Amino acid sequence: MEHDLLATSWTWAGDETIRDRVHAVGAAGFAGLSLSLDDLHEVRATTGFAELRRVLDGAGIVWVQLGPLDRWWTCTSRTDDDDADRGVVLEAAAALRAGQVIARADTSLPGASPLTMADDWTVLADQAATVGAQLVLEPEPWSNLPTIERAARFVAAAGHPNGGLLLDAMHALRGGSTLASIRQGVAPTTLAAVELSDGLLHTPSGMTLSEEAREARYLPGAGAWDLPGLVRTVRELGFDEPWGVEVRTPGHRAMPIGDALRTAAAATRAVLDAADAYGAPAAPAMPSSPAPTSAVDFEPPHPGPRGVTQPGSRRPAGRRDADTGTPA
């Protein structure tokens, strides 16, 4: 099966221009992307949103997410900058034909009571609807809505038809959720977005949960989580496309952006293929034919006297080390 992938803002972050990065996203096979507030402010102050929409069209980008918005509820810590962010996101959503606007839960300590946020959620959902975008809530384990199940109850209780829920694999699993609790505790009508990354069995020693989310989001399939099982679970809840990809490790960021995006896309498609194949008949036996030399059997060419490679062999080119402490 073919799947639409969406590169989250961390996955396609880089020092290149936004135009170059957008084209790299499209060239790697992604059909969507998330634009961060920093990117939105930069575009508004320079080329403008109409030009960015032309760039997105040229790169084949059809799914657009914006955000996340912070402090969208009434609170003493809300500033003029927060209101300005809100205005820029809504302006950009209209100009870019964005499908979703992401909003965070309250990560301050102590956080606001979710009950006091419901009216503000309704107001923001109305505003997003006027520009053609769905409002989607992203819960985090260190927020006042620390689990996907509690966030689902908040969205369901608010009852706004334009409100939805984002299920981030790392946030959900580190928040203590299981595939069974997600299946039972998330109303199908609330689930609007899914982001895939992989992780270790436990948060690395010396890291907080938020630090792990910023520095240890591994390629899908490269960690210890049952991501194919998660994919099947959210499909049972009615979710289907696009699959968000959120990868962030020092090694991934050190790669050229094109290579990093192609690697992330290929890894995610392998996980989705595994989910597709679950319960399917076994693949037919391979035909009997000479097999190519495998990685296990490969014998590198040996240099002859004084470092000269033997005739008919070619010395493989070296690969750049990403300075991550592990072989490239």
C-alpha atoms as a PDB file:
ATOM      1  CA  MET A   1       0.000   0.000   0.000  1.00  0.00           C
ATOM      2  CA  GLU A   2       1.070   3.572  -0.611  1.00  0.00           C
ATOM      3  CA  HIS A   3       0.928   5.910   2.368  1.00  0.00           C
ATOM      4  CA  ASP A   4       0.974   9.687   2.719  1.00  0.00           C
ATOM      5  CA  LEU A   5       3.703  10.856   5.100  1.00  0.00           C
ATOM      6  CA  LEU A   6       3.944  14.218   6.844  1.00  0.00           C
ATOM      7  CA  ALA A   7       7.302  15.580   8.025  1.00  0.00           C
ATOM      8  CA  THR A   8       6.943  17.361  11.347  1.00  0.00           C
ATOM      9  CA  SER A   9       8.894  20.568  11.886  1.00  0.00           C
ATOM     10  CA  TRP A  10      11.734  18.836  13.770  1.00  0.00           C
ATOM     11  CA  THR A  11      12.148  16.220  11.054  1.00  0.00           C
ATOM     12  CA  TRP A  12      12.825  18.784   8.323  1.00  0.00           C
ATOM     13  CA  ALA A  13      14.507  21.491  10.421  1.00  0.00           C
ATOM     14  CA  GLY A  14      17.813  22.800   9.110  1.00  0.00           C
ATOM     15  CA  ASP A  15      19.983  25.762   8.198  1.00  0.00           C
ATOM     16  CA  GLU A  16      18.901  25.813   4.551  1.00  0.00           C
ATOM     17  CA  THR A  17      16.291  28.246   3.272  1.00  0.00           C
ATOM     18  CA  ILE A  18      12.653  27.300   3.734  1.00  0.00           C
ATOM     19  CA  ARG A  19      12.311  26.958  -0.043  1.00  0.00           C
ATOM     20  CA  ASP A  20      15.193  24.469  -0.205  1.00  0.00           C
ATOM     21  CA  ARG A  21      13.921  22.528   2.789  1.00  0.00           C
ATOM     22  CA  VAL A  22      10.383  22.309   1.388  1.00  0.00           C
ATOM     23  CA  HIS A  23      11.725  20.938  -1.885  1.00  0.00           C
ATOM     24  CA  ALA A  24      13.817  18.417   0.062  1.00  0.00           C
ATOM     25  CA  VAL A  25      10.663  17.277   1.895  1.00  0.00           C
ATOM     26  CA  GLY A  26       8.844  16.727  -1.387  1.00  0.00           C
ATOM     27  CA  ALA A  27      11.822  15.048  -3.061  1.00  0.00           C
ATOM     28  CA  ALA A  28      12.045  12.550  -0.184  1.00  0.00           C
ATOM     29  CA  GLY A  29       8.474  11.417  -0.849  1.00  0.00           C
ATOM     30  CA  PHE A  30       6.570  13.279   1.853  1.00  0.00           C
ATOM     31  CA  ALA A  31       3.123  14.610   0.946  1.00  0.00           C
ATOM     32  CA  GLY A  32       2.845  16.936   3.945  1.00  0.00           C
ATOM     33  CA  LEU A  33       4.739  18.978   6.504  1.00  0.00           C
ATOM     34  CA  SER A  34       4.342  20.925   9.730  1.00  0.00           C
ATOM     35  CA  LEU A  35       5.430  24.555   9.853  1.00  0.00           C
ATOM     36  CA  SER A  36       6.701  25.875  13.180  1.00  0.00           C
ATOM     37  CA  LEU A  37       5.976  29.326  14.540  1.00  0.00           C
ATOM     38  CA  ASP A  38       9.570  30.383  13.812  1.00  0.00           C
ATOM     39  CA  ASP A  39       9.144  29.425  10.156  1.00  0.00           C
ATOM     40  CA  LEU A  40       5.791  31.205   9.938  1.00  0.00           C
ATOM     41  CA  HIS A  41       7.131  34.457  11.388  1.00  0.00           C
ATOM     42  CA  GLU A  42      10.119  34.319   9.032  1.00  0.00           C
ATOM     43  CA  VAL A  43       7.929  33.756   5.968  1.00  0.00           C
ATOM     44  CA  ARG A  44       5.516  36.510   6.935  1.00  0.00           C
ATOM     45  CA  ALA A  45       8.391  38.975   7.337  1.00  0.00           C
ATOM     46  CA  THR A  46      10.089  38.014   4.053  1.00  0.00           C
ATOM     47  CA  THR A  47       8.549  36.242   1.066  1.00  0.00           C
ATOM     48  CA  GLY A  48       4.966  36.111   2.308  1.00  0.00           C
ATOM     49  CA  PHE A  49       2.515  33.225   2.598  1.00  0.00           C
ATOM     50  CA  ALA A  50       1.256  33.366  -1.001  1.00  0.00           C
ATOM     51  CA  GLU A  51       4.763  32.660  -2.294  1.00  0.00           C
ATOM     52  CA  LEU A  52       5.205  29.835   0.221  1.00  0.00           C
ATOM     53  CA  ARG A  53       1.968  28.255  -1.008  1.00  0.00           C
ATOM     54  CA  ARG A  54       3.395  28.288  -4.544  1.00  0.00           C
ATOM     55  CA  VAL A  55       6.550  26.606  -3.248  1.00  0.00           C
ATOM     56  CA  LEU A  56       4.478  23.967  -1.461  1.00  0.00           C
ATOM     57  CA  ASP A  57       2.488  23.290  -4.623  1.00  0.00           C
ATOM     58  CA  GLY A  58       5.685  22.948  -6.630  1.00  0.00           C
ATOM     59  CA  ALA A  59       7.040  20.404  -4.146  1.00  0.00           C
ATOM     60  CA  GLY A  60       3.842  18.338  -4.167  1.00  0.00           C
ATOM     61  CA  ILE A  61       2.894  19.176  -0.559  1.00  0.00           C
ATOM     62  CA  VAL A  62      -0.840  18.718   0.033  1.00  0.00           C
ATOM     63  CA  TRP A  63      -1.054  18.264   3.825  1.00  0.00           C
ATOM     64  CA  VAL A  64      -0.083  21.287   5.958  1.00  0.00           C
ATOM     65  CA  GLN A  65      -0.058  21.563   9.754  1.00  0.00           C
ATOM     66  CA  LEU A  66       0.767  24.733  11.678  1.00  0.00           C
ATOM     67  CA  GLY A  67       1.900  25.357  15.254  1.00  0.00           C
ATOM     68  CA  PRO A  68       1.934  24.395  17.987  1.00  0.00           C
ATOM     69  CA  LEU A  69       0.170  27.263  19.723  1.00  0.00           C
ATOM     70  CA  ASP A  70       0.973  27.817  23.381  1.00  0.00           C
ATOM     71  CA  ARG A  71      -1.065  29.631  26.074  1.00  0.00           C
ATOM     72  CA  TRP A  72      -4.241  29.880  23.993  1.00  0.00           C
ATOM     73  CA  TRP A  73      -6.333  29.797  27.183  1.00  0.00           C
ATOM     74  CA  THR A  74      -6.997  32.637  29.624  1.00  0.00           C
ATOM     75  CA  CYS A  75      -4.130  32.802  32.140  1.00  0.00           C
ATOM     76  CA  THR A  76      -1.880  35.335  33.824  1.00  0.00           C
ATOM     77  CA  SER A  77       1.183  34.103  31.905  1.00  0.00           C
ATOM     78  CA  ARG A  78      -0.373  34.814  28.503  1.00  0.00           C
ATOM     79  CA  THR A  79       1.473  37.611  26.708  1.00  0.00           C
ATOM     80  CA  ASP A  80       1.075  39.830  23.667  1.00  0.00           C
ATOM     81  CA  ASP A  81       3.533  37.522  21.895  1.00  0.00           C
ATOM     82  CA  ASP A  82       1.173  34.590  22.439  1.00  0.00           C
ATOM     83  CA  ASP A  83      -1.672  36.574  20.886  1.00  0.00           C
ATOM     84  CA  ALA A  84       0.601  37.557  17.988  1.00  0.00           C
ATOM     85  CA  ASP A  85       1.483  33.892  17.415  1.00  0.00           C
ATOM     86  CA  ARG A  86      -2.193  33.081  17.291  1.00  0.00           C
ATOM     87  CA  GLY A  87      -2.843  35.779  14.722  1.00  0.00           C
ATOM     88  CA  VAL A  88       0.045  34.654  12.508  1.00  0.00           C
ATOM     89  CA  VAL A  89      -1.059  31.014  12.634  1.00  0.00           C
ATOM     90  CA  LEU A  90      -4.644  31.863  11.667  1.00  0.00           C
ATOM     91  CA  GLU A  91      -3.453  34.171   8.886  1.00  0.00           C
ATOM     92  CA  ALA A  92      -1.095  31.511   7.582  1.00  0.00           C
ATOM     93  CA  ALA A  93      -3.767  28.799   7.807  1.00  0.00           C
ATOM     94  CA  ALA A  94      -6.015  30.772   5.492  1.00  0.00           C
ATOM     95  CA  ALA A  95      -3.260  31.615   2.990  1.00  0.00           C
ATOM     96  CA  LEU A  96      -1.608  28.173   2.964  1.00  0.00           C
ATOM     97  CA  ARG A  97      -4.857  26.182   2.995  1.00  0.00           C
ATOM     98  CA  ALA A  98      -3.637  24.390   6.110  1.00  0.00           C
ATOM     99  CA  GLY A  99      -5.633  21.394   7.221  1.00  0.00           C
ATOM    100  CA  GLN A 100      -4.773  21.566  10.926  1.00  0.00           C
ATOM    101  CA  VAL A 101      -3.647  23.951  13.651  1.00  0.00           C
ATOM    102  CA  ILE A 102      -1.878  22.252  16.584  1.00  0.00           C
ATOM    103  CA  ALA A 103      -2.392  23.498  20.156  1.00  0.00           C
ATOM    104  CA  ARG A 104      -0.410  22.359  23.199  1.00  0.00           C
ATOM    105  CA  ALA A 105      -1.786  21.578  26.623  1.00  0.00           C
ATOM    106  CA  ASP A 106      -0.591  23.639  29.627  1.00  0.00           C
ATOM    107  CA  THR A 107       3.012  22.724  30.478  1.00  0.00           C
ATOM    108  CA  SER A 108       3.422  25.274  33.296  1.00  0.00           C
ATOM    109  CA  LEU A 109       3.624  24.191  36.919  1.00  0.00           C
ATOM    110  CA  PRO A 110       1.089  24.050  38.354  1.00  0.00           C
ATOM    111  CA  GLY A 111      -0.951  23.759  35.178  1.00  0.00           C
ATOM    112  CA  ALA A 112      -4.423  25.116  34.666  1.00  0.00           C
ATOM    113  CA  SER A 113      -7.432  22.940  35.339  1.00  0.00           C
ATOM    114  CA  PRO A 114      -8.667  21.522  32.038  1.00  0.00           C
ATOM    115  CA  LEU A 115     -12.172  22.580  33.028  1.00  0.00           C
ATOM    116  CA  THR A 116     -11.133  26.238  32.881  1.00  0.00           C
ATOM    117  CA  MET A 117      -9.746  25.788  29.350  1.00  0.00           C
ATOM    118  CA  ALA A 118     -12.886  24.422  27.696  1.00  0.00           C
ATOM    119  CA  ASP A 119     -14.442  27.773  26.760  1.00  0.00           C
ATOM    120  CA  ASP A 120     -11.160  29.031  25.270  1.00  0.00           C
ATOM    121  CA  TRP A 121     -10.846  25.782  23.320  1.00  0.00           C
ATOM    122  CA  THR A 122     -14.265  26.390  21.799  1.00  0.00           C
ATOM    123  CA  VAL A 123     -13.332  29.959  20.824  1.00  0.00           C
ATOM    124  CA  LEU A 124     -10.085  28.840  19.180  1.00  0.00           C
ATOM    125  CA  ALA A 125     -11.844  25.963  17.403  1.00  0.00           C
ATOM    126  CA  ASP A 126     -14.342  28.459  15.977  1.00  0.00           C
ATOM    127  CA  GLN A 127     -11.520  30.726  14.787  1.00  0.00           C
ATOM    128  CA  ALA A 128      -9.697  27.823  13.141  1.00  0.00           C
ATOM    129  CA  ALA A 129     -12.909  26.777  11.403  1.00  0.00           C
ATOM    130  CA  THR A 130     -13.304  30.219   9.847  1.00  0.00           C
ATOM    131  CA  VAL A 131      -9.956  29.767   8.040  1.00  0.00           C
ATOM    132  CA  GLY A 132     -10.666  26.177   7.030  1.00  0.00           C
ATOM    133  CA  ALA A 133      -8.410  24.383   9.530  1.00  0.00           C
ATOM    134  CA  GLN A 134      -9.134  21.815  12.218  1.00  0.00           C
ATOM    135  CA  LEU A 135      -7.930  22.542  15.756  1.00  0.00           C
ATOM    136  CA  VAL A 136      -5.933  19.598  17.140  1.00  0.00           C
ATOM    137  CA  LEU A 137      -4.784  19.172  20.740  1.00  0.00           C
ATOM    138  CA  GLU A 138      -1.353  17.684  21.495  1.00  0.00           C
ATOM    139  CA  PRO A 139      -1.113  16.272  25.052  1.00  0.00           C
ATOM    140  CA  GLU A 140       2.303  15.816  26.676  1.00  0.00           C
ATOM    141  CA  PRO A 141       3.273  13.771  29.766  1.00  0.00           C
ATOM    142  CA  TRP A 142       4.533  16.921  31.544  1.00  0.00           C
ATOM    143  CA  SER A 143       1.343  18.917  30.869  1.00  0.00           C
ATOM    144  CA  ASN A 144      -2.018  19.268  32.605  1.00  0.00           C
ATOM    145  CA  LEU A 145      -3.360  16.685  30.123  1.00  0.00           C
ATOM    146  CA  PRO A 146      -0.571  14.119  30.551  1.00  0.00           C
ATOM    147  CA  THR A 147      -2.177  11.131  28.830  1.00  0.00           C
ATOM    148  CA  ILE A 148      -3.830  10.628  25.483  1.00  0.00           C
ATOM    149  CA  GLU A 149      -6.882   9.226  27.254  1.00  0.00           C
ATOM    150  CA  ARG A 150      -7.406  12.331  29.415  1.00  0.00           C
ATOM    151  CA  ALA A 151      -6.878  14.579  26.418  1.00  0.00           C
ATOM    152  CA  ALA A 152      -9.429  12.545  24.472  1.00  0.00           C
ATOM    153  CA  ARG A 153     -11.960  13.056  27.256  1.00  0.00           C
ATOM    154  CA  PHE A 154     -11.260  16.812  27.200  1.00  0.00           C
ATOM    155  CA  VAL A 155     -11.849  17.048  23.448  1.00  0.00           C
ATOM    156  CA  ALA A 156     -14.948  14.856  23.627  1.00  0.00           C
ATOM    157  CA  ALA A 157     -16.399  16.818  26.548  1.00  0.00           C
ATOM    158  CA  ALA A 158     -15.799  20.132  24.789  1.00  0.00           C
ATOM    159  CA  GLY A 159     -17.889  18.723  21.978  1.00  0.00           C
ATOM    160  CA  HIS A 160     -16.765  21.123  19.281  1.00  0.00           C
ATOM    161  CA  PRO A 161     -17.097  19.567  15.819  1.00  0.00           C
ATOM    162  CA  ASN A 162     -13.868  21.257  14.702  1.00  0.00           C
ATOM    163  CA  GLY A 163     -11.786  19.951  17.630  1.00  0.00           C
ATOM    164  CA  GLY A 164      -9.553  16.893  17.412  1.00  0.00           C
ATOM    165  CA  LEU A 165      -6.704  15.043  19.067  1.00  0.00           C
ATOM    166  CA  LEU A 166      -3.078  14.407  18.064  1.00  0.00           C
ATOM    167  CA  LEU A 167      -1.601  11.085  19.181  1.00  0.00           C
ATOM    168  CA  ASP A 168       2.182  11.369  19.399  1.00  0.00           C
ATOM    169  CA  ALA A 169       3.726   7.911  19.868  1.00  0.00           C
ATOM    170  CA  MET A 170       6.401   9.114  22.298  1.00  0.00           C
ATOM    171  CA  HIS A 171       4.047  11.280  24.355  1.00  0.00           C
ATOM    172  CA  ALA A 172       1.410   8.551  24.525  1.00  0.00           C
ATOM    173  CA  LEU A 173       3.707   5.666  25.448  1.00  0.00           C
ATOM    174  CA  ARG A 174       5.859   7.678  27.857  1.00  0.00           C
ATOM    175  CA  GLY A 175       2.626   8.947  29.419  1.00  0.00           C
ATOM    176  CA  GLY A 176       1.885   5.377  30.447  1.00  0.00           C
ATOM    177  CA  SER A 177      -0.609   4.432  27.754  1.00  0.00           C
ATOM    178  CA  THR A 178      -0.754   0.976  26.248  1.00  0.00           C
ATOM    179  CA  LEU A 179      -2.269  -0.170  22.990  1.00  0.00           C
ATOM    180  CA  ALA A 180      -5.210  -1.541  24.979  1.00  0.00           C
ATOM    181  CA  SER A 181      -5.771   1.689  26.912  1.00  0.00           C
ATOM    182  CA  ILE A 182      -5.586   3.721  23.704  1.00  0.00           C
ATOM    183  CA  ARG A 183      -8.078   1.417  22.026  1.00  0.00           C
ATOM    184  CA  GLN A 184     -10.467   1.705  24.966  1.00  0.00           C
ATOM    185  CA  GLY A 185      -9.885   5.295  26.047  1.00  0.00           C
ATOM    186  CA  VAL A 186      -9.745   7.285  22.784  1.00  0.00           C
ATOM    187  CA  ALA A 187     -13.052   7.989  21.104  1.00  0.00           C
ATOM    188  CA  PRO A 188     -12.738   7.411  17.342  1.00  0.00           C
ATOM    189  CA  THR A 189     -14.445  10.732  16.647  1.00  0.00           C
ATOM    190  CA  THR A 190     -11.650  12.638  18.420  1.00  0.00           C
ATOM    191  CA  LEU A 191      -8.534  11.165  16.754  1.00  0.00           C
ATOM    192  CA  ALA A 192      -7.342  13.552  14.032  1.00  0.00           C
ATOM    193  CA  ALA A 193      -3.548  13.186  13.738  1.00  0.00           C
ATOM    194  CA  VAL A 194      -0.811  10.652  14.511  1.00  0.00           C
ATOM    195  CA  GLU A 195       2.950  11.145  14.804  1.00  0.00           C
ATOM    196  CA  LEU A 196       5.370   8.237  14.707  1.00  0.00           C
ATOM    197  CA  SER A 197       8.811   7.969  16.261  1.00  0.00           C
ATOM    198  CA  ASP A 198      10.571   5.193  18.136  1.00  0.00           C
ATOM    199  CA  GLY A 199      12.310   5.035  21.471  1.00  0.00           C
ATOM    200  CA  LEU A 200      14.090   2.907  24.045  1.00  0.00           C
ATOM    201  CA  LEU A 201      12.376   0.732  26.644  1.00  0.00           C
ATOM    202  CA  HIS A 202      13.075   3.395  29.254  1.00  0.00           C
ATOM    203  CA  THR A 203      13.970   7.064  29.213  1.00  0.00           C
ATOM    204  CA  PRO A 204      17.798   7.300  29.049  1.00  0.00           C
ATOM    205  CA  SER A 205      19.468   7.848  32.404  1.00  0.00           C
ATOM    206  CA  GLY A 206      19.931  11.528  33.204  1.00  0.00           C
ATOM    207  CA  MET A 207      17.250  12.707  30.773  1.00  0.00           C
ATOM    208  CA  THR A 208      13.869  14.160  31.650  1.00  0.00           C
ATOM    209  CA  LEU A 209      10.882  13.180  29.528  1.00  0.00           C
ATOM    210  CA  SER A 210      10.927  16.525  27.734  1.00  0.00           C
ATOM    211  CA  GLU A 211      14.672  16.182  27.029  1.00  0.00           C
ATOM    212  CA  GLU A 212      14.094  12.722  25.625  1.00  0.00           C
ATOM    213  CA  ALA A 213      11.362  14.095  23.353  1.00  0.00           C
ATOM    214  CA  ARG A 214      13.832  16.679  22.017  1.00  0.00           C
ATOM    215  CA  GLU A 215      16.929  14.489  21.698  1.00  0.00           C
ATOM    216  CA  ALA A 216      15.980  10.793  21.521  1.00  0.00           C
ATOM    217  CA  ARG A 217      13.181  10.395  18.979  1.00  0.00           C
ATOM    218  CA  TYR A 218      14.544   7.517  16.936  1.00  0.00           C
ATOM    219  CA  LEU A 219      13.629   6.482  13.418  1.00  0.00           C
ATOM    220  CA  PRO A 220      10.453   4.380  13.357  1.00  0.00           C
ATOM    221  CA  GLY A 221      11.487   0.755  13.633  1.00  0.00           C
ATOM    222  CA  ALA A 222      14.877   1.573  15.190  1.00  0.00           C
ATOM    223  CA  GLY A 223      13.732   1.374  18.810  1.00  0.00           C
ATOM    224  CA  ALA A 224      11.879  -0.927  21.180  1.00  0.00           C
ATOM    225  CA  TRP A 225       8.240   0.077  20.644  1.00  0.00           C
ATOM    226  CA  ASP A 226       5.548  -1.903  18.855  1.00  0.00           C
ATOM    227  CA  LEU A 227       4.868   0.737  16.218  1.00  0.00           C
ATOM    228  CA  PRO A 228       3.144  -1.659  13.787  1.00  0.00           C
ATOM    229  CA  GLY A 229       0.796  -2.518  16.658  1.00  0.00           C
ATOM    230  CA  LEU A 230       0.195   1.178  17.323  1.00  0.00           C
ATOM    231  CA  VAL A 231      -0.555   1.732  13.639  1.00  0.00           C
ATOM    232  CA  ARG A 232      -3.094  -1.095  13.668  1.00  0.00           C
ATOM    233  CA  THR A 233      -4.654   0.296  16.856  1.00  0.00           C
ATOM    234  CA  VAL A 234      -5.217   3.790  15.492  1.00  0.00           C
ATOM    235  CA  ARG A 235      -6.529   2.305  12.250  1.00  0.00           C
ATOM    236  CA  GLU A 236      -9.118   0.452  14.323  1.00  0.00           C
ATOM    237  CA  LEU A 237     -10.087   3.857  15.720  1.00  0.00           C
ATOM    238  CA  GLY A 238     -10.656   5.109  12.184  1.00  0.00           C
ATOM    239  CA  PHE A 239      -7.448   7.048  11.538  1.00  0.00           C
ATOM    240  CA  ASP A 240      -5.960   6.868   8.051  1.00  0.00           C
ATOM    241  CA  GLU A 241      -3.417   9.305   6.554  1.00  0.00           C
ATOM    242  CA  PRO A 242      -1.243  11.251   6.727  1.00  0.00           C
ATOM    243  CA  TRP A 243       1.255   9.580   9.029  1.00  0.00           C
ATOM    244  CA  GLY A 244       3.323  12.189  10.831  1.00  0.00           C
ATOM    245  CA  VAL A 245       7.040  11.425  11.176  1.00  0.00           C
ATOM    246  CA  GLU A 246       8.884  13.063  14.060  1.00  0.00           C
ATOM    247  CA  VAL A 247      12.556  12.112  14.279  1.00  0.00           C
ATOM    248  CA  ARG A 248      15.101  14.023  16.322  1.00  0.00           C
ATOM    249  CA  THR A 249      18.487  12.664  17.382  1.00  0.00           C
ATOM    250  CA  PRO A 250      21.954  14.238  17.157  1.00  0.00           C
ATOM    251  CA  GLY A 251      22.920  11.743  14.446  1.00  0.00           C
ATOM    252  CA  HIS A 252      19.829  12.470  12.369  1.00  0.00           C
ATOM    253  CA  ARG A 253      20.353  16.225  12.593  1.00  0.00           C
ATOM    254  CA  ALA A 254      23.990  15.814  11.502  1.00  0.00           C
ATOM    255  CA  MET A 255      22.962  14.226   8.198  1.00  0.00           C
ATOM    256  CA  PRO A 256      22.408  16.338   5.083  1.00  0.00           C
ATOM    257  CA  ILE A 257      18.732  17.208   5.050  1.00  0.00           C
ATOM    258  CA  GLY A 258      17.972  15.239   1.889  1.00  0.00           C
ATOM    259  CA  ASP A 259      19.559  12.074   3.301  1.00  0.00           C
ATOM    260  CA  ALA A 260      17.866  12.563   6.676  1.00  0.00           C
ATOM    261  CA  LEU A 261      14.431  12.928   5.093  1.00  0.00           C
ATOM    262  CA  ARG A 262      14.842   9.969   2.755  1.00  0.00           C
ATOM    263  CA  THR A 263      15.989   7.809   5.661  1.00  0.00           C
ATOM    264  CA  ALA A 264      13.022   8.886   7.803  1.00  0.00           C
ATOM    265  CA  ALA A 265      10.557   8.234   4.991  1.00  0.00           C
ATOM    266  CA  ALA A 266      11.983   4.777   4.210  1.00  0.00           C
ATOM    267  CA  ALA A 267      12.004   3.755   7.886  1.00  0.00           C
ATOM    268  CA  THR A 268       8.410   4.878   8.391  1.00  0.00           C
ATOM    269  CA  ARG A 269       7.204   3.112   5.258  1.00  0.00           C
ATOM    270  CA  ALA A 270       8.830  -0.111   6.517  1.00  0.00           C
ATOM    271  CA  VAL A 271       6.827   0.163   9.754  1.00  0.00           C
ATOM    272  CA  LEU A 272       3.612   0.823   7.829  1.00  0.00           C
ATOM    273  CA  ASP A 273       4.377  -2.115   5.537  1.00  0.00           C
ATOM    274  CA  ALA A 274       4.773  -4.332   8.612  1.00  0.00           C
ATOM    275  CA  ALA A 275       1.389  -3.149   9.889  1.00  0.00           C
ATOM    276  CA  ASP A 276      -0.158  -3.810   6.458  1.00  0.00           C
ATOM    277  CA  ALA A 277       1.257  -7.340   6.374  1.00  0.00           C
ATOM    278  CA  TYR A 278      -0.055  -8.368   9.805  1.00  0.00           C
ATOM    279  CA  GLY A 279      -2.437 -11.317   9.434  1.00  0.00           C
ATOM    280  CA  ALA A 280      -1.803 -11.602   5.696  1.00  0.00           C
ATOM    281  CA  PRO A 281      -0.851 -14.933   4.081  1.00  0.00           C
ATOM    282  CA  ALA A 282       2.818 -15.773   4.156  1.00  0.00           C
ATOM    283  CA  ALA A 283       4.833 -14.581   1.189  1.00  0.00           C
ATOM    284  CA  PRO A 284       5.471 -17.258  -1.455  1.00  0.00           C
ATOM    285  CA  ALA A 285       8.828 -18.992  -1.495  1.00  0.00           C
ATOM    286  CA  MET A 286      11.514 -17.197  -3.433  1.00  0.00           C
ATOM    287  CA  PRO A 287      12.486 -18.795  -6.763  1.00  0.00           C
ATOM    288  CA  SER A 288      15.681 -20.814  -6.905  1.00  0.00           C
ATOM    289  CA  SER A 289      18.276 -18.560  -8.434  1.00  0.00           C
ATOM    290  CA  PRO A 290      21.832 -17.537  -7.633  1.00  0.00           C
ATOM    291  CA  ALA A 291      21.753 -15.095  -4.738  1.00  0.00           C
ATOM    292  CA  PRO A 292      23.803 -11.905  -4.736  1.00  0.00           C
ATOM    293  CA  THR A 293      26.584 -11.595  -2.228  1.00  0.00           C
ATOM    294  CA  SER A 294      25.038 -10.706   1.094  1.00  0.00           C
ATOM    295  CA  ALA A 295      26.390  -8.334   3.723  1.00  0.00           C
ATOM    296  CA  VAL A 296      27.264 -11.370   5.821  1.00  0.00           C
ATOM    297  CA  ASP A 297      29.374 -12.974   3.076  1.00  0.00           C
ATOM    298  CA  PHE A 298      30.889  -9.801   1.665  1.00  0.00           C
ATOM    299  CA  GLU A 299      34.663  -9.788   1.542  1.00  0.00           C
ATOM    300  CA  PRO A 300      36.149  -6.293   1.074  1.00  0.00           C
ATOM    301  CA  PRO A 301      38.957  -5.927  -1.467  1.00  0.00           C
ATOM    302  CA  HIS A 302      42.405  -6.279   0.071  1.00  0.00           C
ATOM    303  CA  PRO A 303      45.176  -3.894  -0.906  1.00  0.00           C
ATOM    304  CA  GLY A 304      48.230  -5.391  -2.497  1.00  0.00           C
ATOM    305  CA  PRO A 305      51.822  -4.447  -1.743  1.00  0.00           C
ATOM    306  CA  ARG A 306      52.366  -0.906  -0.553  1.00  0.00           C
ATOM    307  CA  GLY A 307      48.622  -0.256  -0.323  1.00  0.00           C
ATOM    308  CA  VAL A 308      47.830  -0.908  -4.028  1.00  0.00           C
ATOM    309  CA  THR A 309      44.397  -2.452  -4.535  1.00  0.00           C
ATOM    310  CA  GLN A 310      44.473  -5.720  -6.437  1.00  0.00           C
ATOM    311  CA  PRO A 311      43.502  -5.472 -10.145  1.00  0.00           C
ATOM    312  CA  GLY A 312      39.785  -5.825 -10.787  1.00  0.00           C
ATOM    313  CA  SER A 313      38.812  -4.588  -7.320  1.00  0.00           C
ATOM    314  CA  ARG A 314      37.809  -1.167  -6.202  1.00  0.00           C
ATOM    315  CA  ARG A 315      38.302   0.357  -2.787  1.00  0.00           C
ATOM    316  CA  PRO A 316      34.932   1.502  -1.352  1.00  0.00           C
ATOM    317  CA  ALA A 317      34.608   5.193  -0.618  1.00  0.00           C
ATOM    318  CA  GLY A 318      34.489   6.200   3.009  1.00  0.00           C
ATOM    319  CA  ARG A 319      31.406   7.689   4.664  1.00  0.00           C
ATOM    320  CA  ARG A 320      31.312  10.862   6.653  1.00  0.00           C
ATOM    321  CA  ASP A 321      31.096  10.352  10.389  1.00  0.00           C
ATOM    322  CA  ALA A 322      28.185  12.201  11.996  1.00  0.00           C
ATOM    323  CA  ASP A 323      30.217  12.698  15.219  1.00  0.00           C
ATOM    324  CA  THR A 324      27.578  10.917  17.268  1.00  0.00           C
ATOM    325  CA  GLY A 325      29.928   8.500  18.959  1.00  0.00           C
ATOM    326  CA  THR A 326      28.730   5.626  16.801  1.00  0.00           C
ATOM    327  CA  PRO A 327      29.892   4.375  13.397  1.00  0.00           C
ATOM    328  CA  ALA A 328      28.307   6.182  10.437  1.00  0.00           C
END
